[in-house]
Amino acid sequence: MKIKCPKCKEDADLAMDYSVVKCGSCDLDMSYGEYVKFVAHNESKYSDILGDYASSTEGHTSGSLDEWD
């Protein structure tokens, strides 16, 4: 599946099982979890997705970057 590379903004490939993201343009190679973290930290409009991946959001607002630092 094609997604936008968070580094070079070209097309990157997301494995069908959501295990890895690879970009042939800039040699990006990271797990999908690392991709989500990278995008959330670098594009503020997506920071709210971190709430879906945090182990606990108790005491934090949804999308808080506190769980990832």
PDB file of N, CA and C in Angstrom:
ATOM      1  N   MET A   1       0.854  -1.156   0.000  1.00  0.00           N
ATOM      2  CA  MET A   1       0.000   0.000   0.000  1.00  0.00           C
ATOM      3  C   MET A   1       0.908   1.229   0.000  1.00  0.00           C
ATOM      4  N   LYS A   2       0.512   2.264  -0.700  1.00  0.00           N
ATOM      5  CA  LYS A   2       1.293   3.488  -0.799  1.00  0.00           C
ATOM      6  C   LYS A   2       0.864   4.488   0.273  1.00  0.00           C
ATOM      7  N   ILE A   3       1.857   5.080   0.941  1.00  0.00           N
ATOM      8  CA  ILE A   3       1.633   6.156   1.897  1.00  0.00           C
ATOM      9  C   ILE A   3       2.693   7.221   1.650  1.00  0.00           C
ATOM     10  N   LYS A   4       2.517   8.383   2.270  1.00  0.00           N
ATOM     11  CA  LYS A   4       3.490   9.461   2.095  1.00  0.00           C
ATOM     12  C   LYS A   4       4.674   9.247   3.023  1.00  0.00           C
ATOM     13  N   CYS A   5       5.874   9.338   2.466  1.00  0.00           N
ATOM     14  CA  CYS A   5       7.090   9.230   3.265  1.00  0.00           C
ATOM     15  C   CYS A   5       7.199  10.468   4.155  1.00  0.00           C
ATOM     16  N   PRO A   6       7.432  10.266   5.452  1.00  0.00           N
ATOM     17  CA  PRO A   6       7.505  11.412   6.352  1.00  0.00           C
ATOM     18  C   PRO A   6       8.790  12.227   6.213  1.00  0.00           C
ATOM     19  N   LYS A   7       9.787  11.680   5.532  1.00  0.00           N
ATOM     20  CA  LYS A   7      11.055  12.404   5.357  1.00  0.00           C
ATOM     21  C   LYS A   7      11.101  13.176   4.045  1.00  0.00           C
ATOM     22  N   CYS A   8      10.864  12.496   2.936  1.00  0.00           N
ATOM     23  CA  CYS A   8      11.019  13.150   1.632  1.00  0.00           C
ATOM     24  C   CYS A   8       9.688  13.492   0.961  1.00  0.00           C
ATOM     25  N   LYS A   9       8.573  13.049   1.539  1.00  0.00           N
ATOM     26  CA  LYS A   9       7.217  13.319   1.039  1.00  0.00           C
ATOM     27  C   LYS A   9       6.888  12.621  -0.276  1.00  0.00           C
ATOM     28  N   GLU A  10       7.728  11.703  -0.714  1.00  0.00           N
ATOM     29  CA  GLU A  10       7.434  10.887  -1.896  1.00  0.00           C
ATOM     30  C   GLU A  10       6.598   9.683  -1.460  1.00  0.00           C
ATOM     31  N   ASP A  11       6.224   8.832  -2.412  1.00  0.00           N
ATOM     32  CA  ASP A  11       5.469   7.614  -2.091  1.00  0.00           C
ATOM     33  C   ASP A  11       6.363   6.603  -1.385  1.00  0.00           C
ATOM     34  N   ALA A  12       5.849   6.053  -0.305  1.00  0.00           N
ATOM     35  CA  ALA A  12       6.526   4.979   0.424  1.00  0.00           C
ATOM     36  C   ALA A  12       5.599   3.770   0.430  1.00  0.00           C
ATOM     37  N   ASP A  13       6.153   2.612   0.694  1.00  0.00           N
ATOM     38  CA  ASP A  13       5.376   1.375   0.729  1.00  0.00           C
ATOM     39  C   ASP A  13       5.138   0.941   2.166  1.00  0.00           C
ATOM     40  N   LEU A  14       3.882   0.682   2.487  1.00  0.00           N
ATOM     41  CA  LEU A  14       3.493   0.123   3.776  1.00  0.00           C
ATOM     42  C   LEU A  14       3.153  -1.338   3.538  1.00  0.00           C
ATOM     43  N   ALA A  15       3.811  -2.232   4.270  1.00  0.00           N
ATOM     44  CA  ALA A  15       3.557  -3.663   4.114  1.00  0.00           C
ATOM     45  C   ALA A  15       2.085  -3.968   4.393  1.00  0.00           C
ATOM     46  N   MET A  16       1.571  -4.968   3.721  1.00  0.00           N
ATOM     47  CA  MET A  16       0.153  -5.333   3.873  1.00  0.00           C
ATOM     48  C   MET A  16      -0.203  -5.696   5.307  1.00  0.00           C
ATOM     49  N   ASP A  17       0.769  -6.180   6.087  1.00  0.00           N
ATOM     50  CA  ASP A  17       0.502  -6.530   7.481  1.00  0.00           C
ATOM     51  C   ASP A  17       0.851  -5.386   8.437  1.00  0.00           C
ATOM     52  N   TYR A  18       1.076  -4.188   7.892  1.00  0.00           N
ATOM     53  CA  TYR A  18       1.392  -2.987   8.679  1.00  0.00           C
ATOM     54  C   TYR A  18       2.648  -3.157   9.534  1.00  0.00           C
ATOM     55  N   SER A  19       3.589  -3.941   9.080  1.00  0.00           N
ATOM     56  CA  SER A  19       4.783  -4.199   9.882  1.00  0.00           C
ATOM     57  C   SER A  19       5.924  -3.237   9.591  1.00  0.00           C
ATOM     58  N   VAL A  20       6.013  -2.750   8.356  1.00  0.00           N
ATOM     59  CA  VAL A  20       7.170  -1.934   7.985  1.00  0.00           C
ATOM     60  C   VAL A  20       6.792  -0.886   6.929  1.00  0.00           C
ATOM     61  N   VAL A  21       7.472   0.250   6.995  1.00  0.00           N
ATOM     62  CA  VAL A  21       7.329   1.310   5.998  1.00  0.00           C
ATOM     63  C   VAL A  21       8.687   1.489   5.331  1.00  0.00           C
ATOM     64  N   LYS A  22       8.706   1.441   3.992  1.00  0.00           N
ATOM     65  CA  LYS A  22       9.950   1.597   3.241  1.00  0.00           C
ATOM     66  C   LYS A  22       9.748   2.604   2.122  1.00  0.00           C
ATOM     67  N   CYS A  23      10.770   3.460   1.938  1.00  0.00           N
ATOM     68  CA  CYS A  23      10.751   4.446   0.862  1.00  0.00           C
ATOM     69  C   CYS A  23      11.980   4.232  -0.005  1.00  0.00           C
ATOM     70  N   GLY A  24      11.777   4.064  -1.295  1.00  0.00           N
ATOM     71  CA  GLY A  24      12.879   3.886  -2.219  1.00  0.00           C
ATOM     72  C   GLY A  24      13.583   5.184  -2.563  1.00  0.00           C
ATOM     73  N   SER A  25      12.920   6.310  -2.366  1.00  0.00           N
ATOM     74  CA  SER A  25      13.513   7.600  -2.711  1.00  0.00           C
ATOM     75  C   SER A  25      14.583   8.039  -1.722  1.00  0.00           C
ATOM     76  N   CYS A  26      14.345   7.813  -0.439  1.00  0.00           N
ATOM     77  CA  CYS A  26      15.304   8.279   0.579  1.00  0.00           C
ATOM     78  C   CYS A  26      15.808   7.145   1.472  1.00  0.00           C
ATOM     79  N   ASP A  27      15.505   5.914   1.117  1.00  0.00           N
ATOM     80  CA  ASP A  27      15.958   4.727   1.860  1.00  0.00           C
ATOM     81  C   ASP A  27      15.405   4.651   3.281  1.00  0.00           C
ATOM     82  N   LEU A  28      14.259   5.263   3.532  1.00  0.00           N
ATOM     83  CA  LEU A  28      13.577   5.130   4.825  1.00  0.00           C
ATOM     84  C   LEU A  28      13.190   3.668   5.023  1.00  0.00           C
ATOM     85  N   ASP A  29      13.413   3.154   6.208  1.00  0.00           N
ATOM     86  CA  ASP A  29      13.048   1.778   6.548  1.00  0.00           C
ATOM     87  C   ASP A  29      12.772   1.744   8.048  1.00  0.00           C
ATOM     88  N   MET A  30      11.493   1.727   8.426  1.00  0.00           N
ATOM     89  CA  MET A  30      11.131   1.721   9.848  1.00  0.00           C
ATOM     90  C   MET A  30       9.850   0.940  10.062  1.00  0.00           C
ATOM     91  N   SER A  31       9.638   0.530  11.304  1.00  0.00           N
ATOM     92  CA  SER A  31       8.404  -0.183  11.633  1.00  0.00           C
ATOM     93  C   SER A  31       7.236   0.805  11.559  1.00  0.00           C
ATOM     94  N   TYR A  32       6.039   0.266  11.461  1.00  0.00           N
ATOM     95  CA  TYR A  32       4.866   1.137  11.389  1.00  0.00           C
ATOM     96  C   TYR A  32       4.705   1.943  12.677  1.00  0.00           C
ATOM     97  N   GLY A  33       5.020   1.349  13.819  1.00  0.00           N
ATOM     98  CA  GLY A  33       4.954   2.078  15.090  1.00  0.00           C
ATOM     99  C   GLY A  33       5.910   3.255  15.113  1.00  0.00           C
ATOM    100  N   GLU A  34       7.124   3.046  14.599  1.00  0.00           N
ATOM    101  CA  GLU A  34       8.097   4.144  14.501  1.00  0.00           C
ATOM    102  C   GLU A  34       7.602   5.219  13.539  1.00  0.00           C
ATOM    103  N   TYR A  35       6.959   4.800  12.458  1.00  0.00           N
ATOM    104  CA  TYR A  35       6.391   5.736  11.482  1.00  0.00           C
ATOM    105  C   TYR A  35       5.333   6.614  12.143  1.00  0.00           C
ATOM    106  N   VAL A  36       4.430   5.997  12.886  1.00  0.00           N
ATOM    107  CA  VAL A  36       3.373   6.747  13.572  1.00  0.00           C
ATOM    108  C   VAL A  36       3.977   7.765  14.534  1.00  0.00           C
ATOM    109  N   LYS A  37       4.963   7.337  15.299  1.00  0.00           N
ATOM    110  CA  LYS A  37       5.635   8.227  16.249  1.00  0.00           C
ATOM    111  C   LYS A  37       6.328   9.376  15.514  1.00  0.00           C
ATOM    112  N   PHE A  38       7.034   9.069  14.439  1.00  0.00           N
ATOM    113  CA  PHE A  38       7.747  10.075  13.665  1.00  0.00           C
ATOM    114  C   PHE A  38       6.778  11.114  13.104  1.00  0.00           C
ATOM    115  N   VAL A  39       5.693  10.662  12.497  1.00  0.00           N
ATOM    116  CA  VAL A  39       4.708  11.573  11.916  1.00  0.00           C
ATOM    117  C   VAL A  39       4.064  12.427  13.007  1.00  0.00           C
ATOM    118  N   ALA A  40       3.702  11.827  14.121  1.00  0.00           N
ATOM    119  CA  ALA A  40       3.043  12.559  15.208  1.00  0.00           C
ATOM    120  C   ALA A  40       3.955  13.628  15.801  1.00  0.00           C
ATOM    121  N   HIS A  41       5.225  13.358  15.896  1.00  0.00           N
ATOM    122  CA  HIS A  41       6.171  14.338  16.443  1.00  0.00           C
ATOM    123  C   HIS A  41       6.505  15.445  15.452  1.00  0.00           C
ATOM    124  N   ASN A  42       6.449  15.148  14.161  1.00  0.00           N
ATOM    125  CA  ASN A  42       6.876  16.116  13.159  1.00  0.00           C
ATOM    126  C   ASN A  42       5.747  16.863  12.468  1.00  0.00           C
ATOM    127  N   GLU A  43       4.513  16.392  12.612  1.00  0.00           N
ATOM    128  CA  GLU A  43       3.368  17.059  12.006  1.00  0.00           C
ATOM    129  C   GLU A  43       2.294  17.215  13.070  1.00  0.00           C
ATOM    130  N   SER A  44       2.172  18.434  13.593  1.00  0.00           N
ATOM    131  CA  SER A  44       1.296  18.686  14.737  1.00  0.00           C
ATOM    132  C   SER A  44      -0.162  18.321  14.480  1.00  0.00           C
ATOM    133  N   LYS A  45      -0.614  18.390  13.231  1.00  0.00           N
ATOM    134  CA  LYS A  45      -2.017  18.056  12.967  1.00  0.00           C
ATOM    135  C   LYS A  45      -2.324  16.580  13.199  1.00  0.00           C
ATOM    136  N   TYR A  46      -1.281  15.736  13.298  1.00  0.00           N
ATOM    137  CA  TYR A  46      -1.472  14.313  13.544  1.00  0.00           C
ATOM    138  C   TYR A  46      -1.144  13.893  14.972  1.00  0.00           C
ATOM    139  N   SER A  47      -0.813  14.814  15.848  1.00  0.00           N
ATOM    140  CA  SER A  47      -0.382  14.449  17.201  1.00  0.00           C
ATOM    141  C   SER A  47      -1.473  13.734  17.994  1.00  0.00           C
ATOM    142  N   ASP A  48      -2.735  13.918  17.637  1.00  0.00           N
ATOM    143  CA  ASP A  48      -3.816  13.255  18.360  1.00  0.00           C
ATOM    144  C   ASP A  48      -3.857  11.745  18.134  1.00  0.00           C
ATOM    145  N   ILE A  49      -3.154  11.216  17.137  1.00  0.00           N
ATOM    146  CA  ILE A  49      -3.152   9.776  16.916  1.00  0.00           C
ATOM    147  C   ILE A  49      -2.357   9.037  17.980  1.00  0.00           C
ATOM    148  N   LEU A  50      -1.506   9.741  18.717  1.00  0.00           N
ATOM    149  CA  LEU A  50      -0.718   9.070  19.745  1.00  0.00           C
ATOM    150  C   LEU A  50      -1.596   8.467  20.828  1.00  0.00           C
ATOM    151  N   GLY A  51      -2.746   9.042  21.070  1.00  0.00           N
ATOM    152  CA  GLY A  51      -3.656   8.496  22.067  1.00  0.00           C
ATOM    153  C   GLY A  51      -4.087   7.078  21.745  1.00  0.00           C
ATOM    154  N   ASP A  52      -4.106   6.720  20.466  1.00  0.00           N
ATOM    155  CA  ASP A  52      -4.477   5.367  20.048  1.00  0.00           C
ATOM    156  C   ASP A  52      -3.375   4.351  20.325  1.00  0.00           C
ATOM    157  N   TYR A  53      -2.132   4.817  20.485  1.00  0.00           N
ATOM    158  CA  TYR A  53      -0.992   3.924  20.650  1.00  0.00           C
ATOM    159  C   TYR A  53      -0.372   3.970  22.042  1.00  0.00           C
ATOM    160  N   ALA A  54      -0.767   4.939  22.862  1.00  0.00           N
ATOM    161  CA  ALA A  54      -0.206   5.052  24.210  1.00  0.00           C
ATOM    162  C   ALA A  54      -0.758   3.937  25.081  1.00  0.00           C
ATOM    163  N   SER A  55       0.079   3.413  25.974  1.00  0.00           N
ATOM    164  CA  SER A  55      -0.369   2.327  26.846  1.00  0.00           C
ATOM    165  C   SER A  55      -1.397   2.821  27.858  1.00  0.00           C
ATOM    166  N   SER A  56      -1.270   4.057  28.269  1.00  0.00           N
ATOM    167  CA  SER A  56      -2.232   4.644  29.187  1.00  0.00           C
ATOM    168  C   SER A  56      -2.287   6.142  28.939  1.00  0.00           C
ATOM    169  N   THR A  57      -3.507   6.671  28.855  1.00  0.00           N
ATOM    170  CA  THR A  57      -3.660   8.110  28.676  1.00  0.00           C
ATOM    171  C   THR A  57      -4.228   8.749  29.934  1.00  0.00           C
ATOM    172  N   GLU A  58      -4.268   7.991  31.012  1.00  0.00           N
ATOM    173  CA  GLU A  58      -4.797   8.508  32.269  1.00  0.00           C
ATOM    174  C   GLU A  58      -3.956   9.692  32.737  1.00  0.00           C
ATOM    175  N   GLY A  59      -4.623  10.811  32.998  1.00  0.00           N
ATOM    176  CA  GLY A  59      -3.940  12.010  33.448  1.00  0.00           C
ATOM    177  C   GLY A  59      -3.370  12.849  32.323  1.00  0.00           C
ATOM    178  N   HIS A  60      -3.545  12.391  31.066  1.00  0.00           N
ATOM    179  CA  HIS A  60      -3.056  13.127  29.909  1.00  0.00           C
ATOM    180  C   HIS A  60      -4.214  13.346  28.952  1.00  0.00           C
ATOM    181  N   THR A  61      -4.135  14.386  28.171  1.00  0.00           N
ATOM    182  CA  THR A  61      -5.135  14.583  27.138  1.00  0.00           C
ATOM    183  C   THR A  61      -4.813  13.659  25.974  1.00  0.00           C
ATOM    184  N   SER A  62      -5.803  13.326  25.196  1.00  0.00           N
ATOM    185  CA  SER A  62      -5.588  12.469  24.039  1.00  0.00           C
ATOM    186  C   SER A  62      -4.603  13.141  23.103  1.00  0.00           C
ATOM    187  N   GLY A  63      -3.630  12.372  22.646  1.00  0.00           N
ATOM    188  CA  GLY A  63      -2.644  12.905  21.730  1.00  0.00           C
ATOM    189  C   GLY A  63      -1.447  13.534  22.404  1.00  0.00           C
ATOM    190  N   SER A  64      -1.346  13.413  23.715  1.00  0.00           N
ATOM    191  CA  SER A  64      -0.212  13.992  24.421  1.00  0.00           C
ATOM    192  C   SER A  64       1.076  13.309  23.990  1.00  0.00           C
ATOM    193  N   LEU A  65       2.101  14.092  23.745  1.00  0.00           N
ATOM    194  CA  LEU A  65       3.385  13.536  23.367  1.00  0.00           C
ATOM    195  C   LEU A  65       4.159  13.054  24.579  1.00  0.00           C
ATOM    196  N   ASP A  66       3.644  13.286  25.798  1.00  0.00           N
ATOM    197  CA  ASP A  66       4.324  12.888  27.024  1.00  0.00           C
ATOM    198  C   ASP A  66       4.625  11.393  27.079  1.00  0.00           C
ATOM    199  N   GLU A  67       3.730  10.559  26.568  1.00  0.00           N
ATOM    200  CA  GLU A  67       3.911   9.115  26.594  1.00  0.00           C
ATOM    201  C   GLU A  67       5.070   8.666  25.725  1.00  0.00           C
ATOM    202  N   TRP A  68       5.478   9.470  24.756  1.00  0.00           N
ATOM    203  CA  TRP A  68       6.478   9.051  23.779  1.00  0.00           C
ATOM    204  C   TRP A  68       7.868   9.625  24.030  1.00  0.00           C
ATOM    205  N   ASP A  69       7.994  10.581  24.917  1.00  0.00           N
ATOM    206  CA  ASP A  69       9.301  11.189  25.164  1.00  0.00           C
ATOM    207  C   ASP A  69      10.059  10.471  26.248  1.00  0.00           C
TER     208      ASP A  69
END
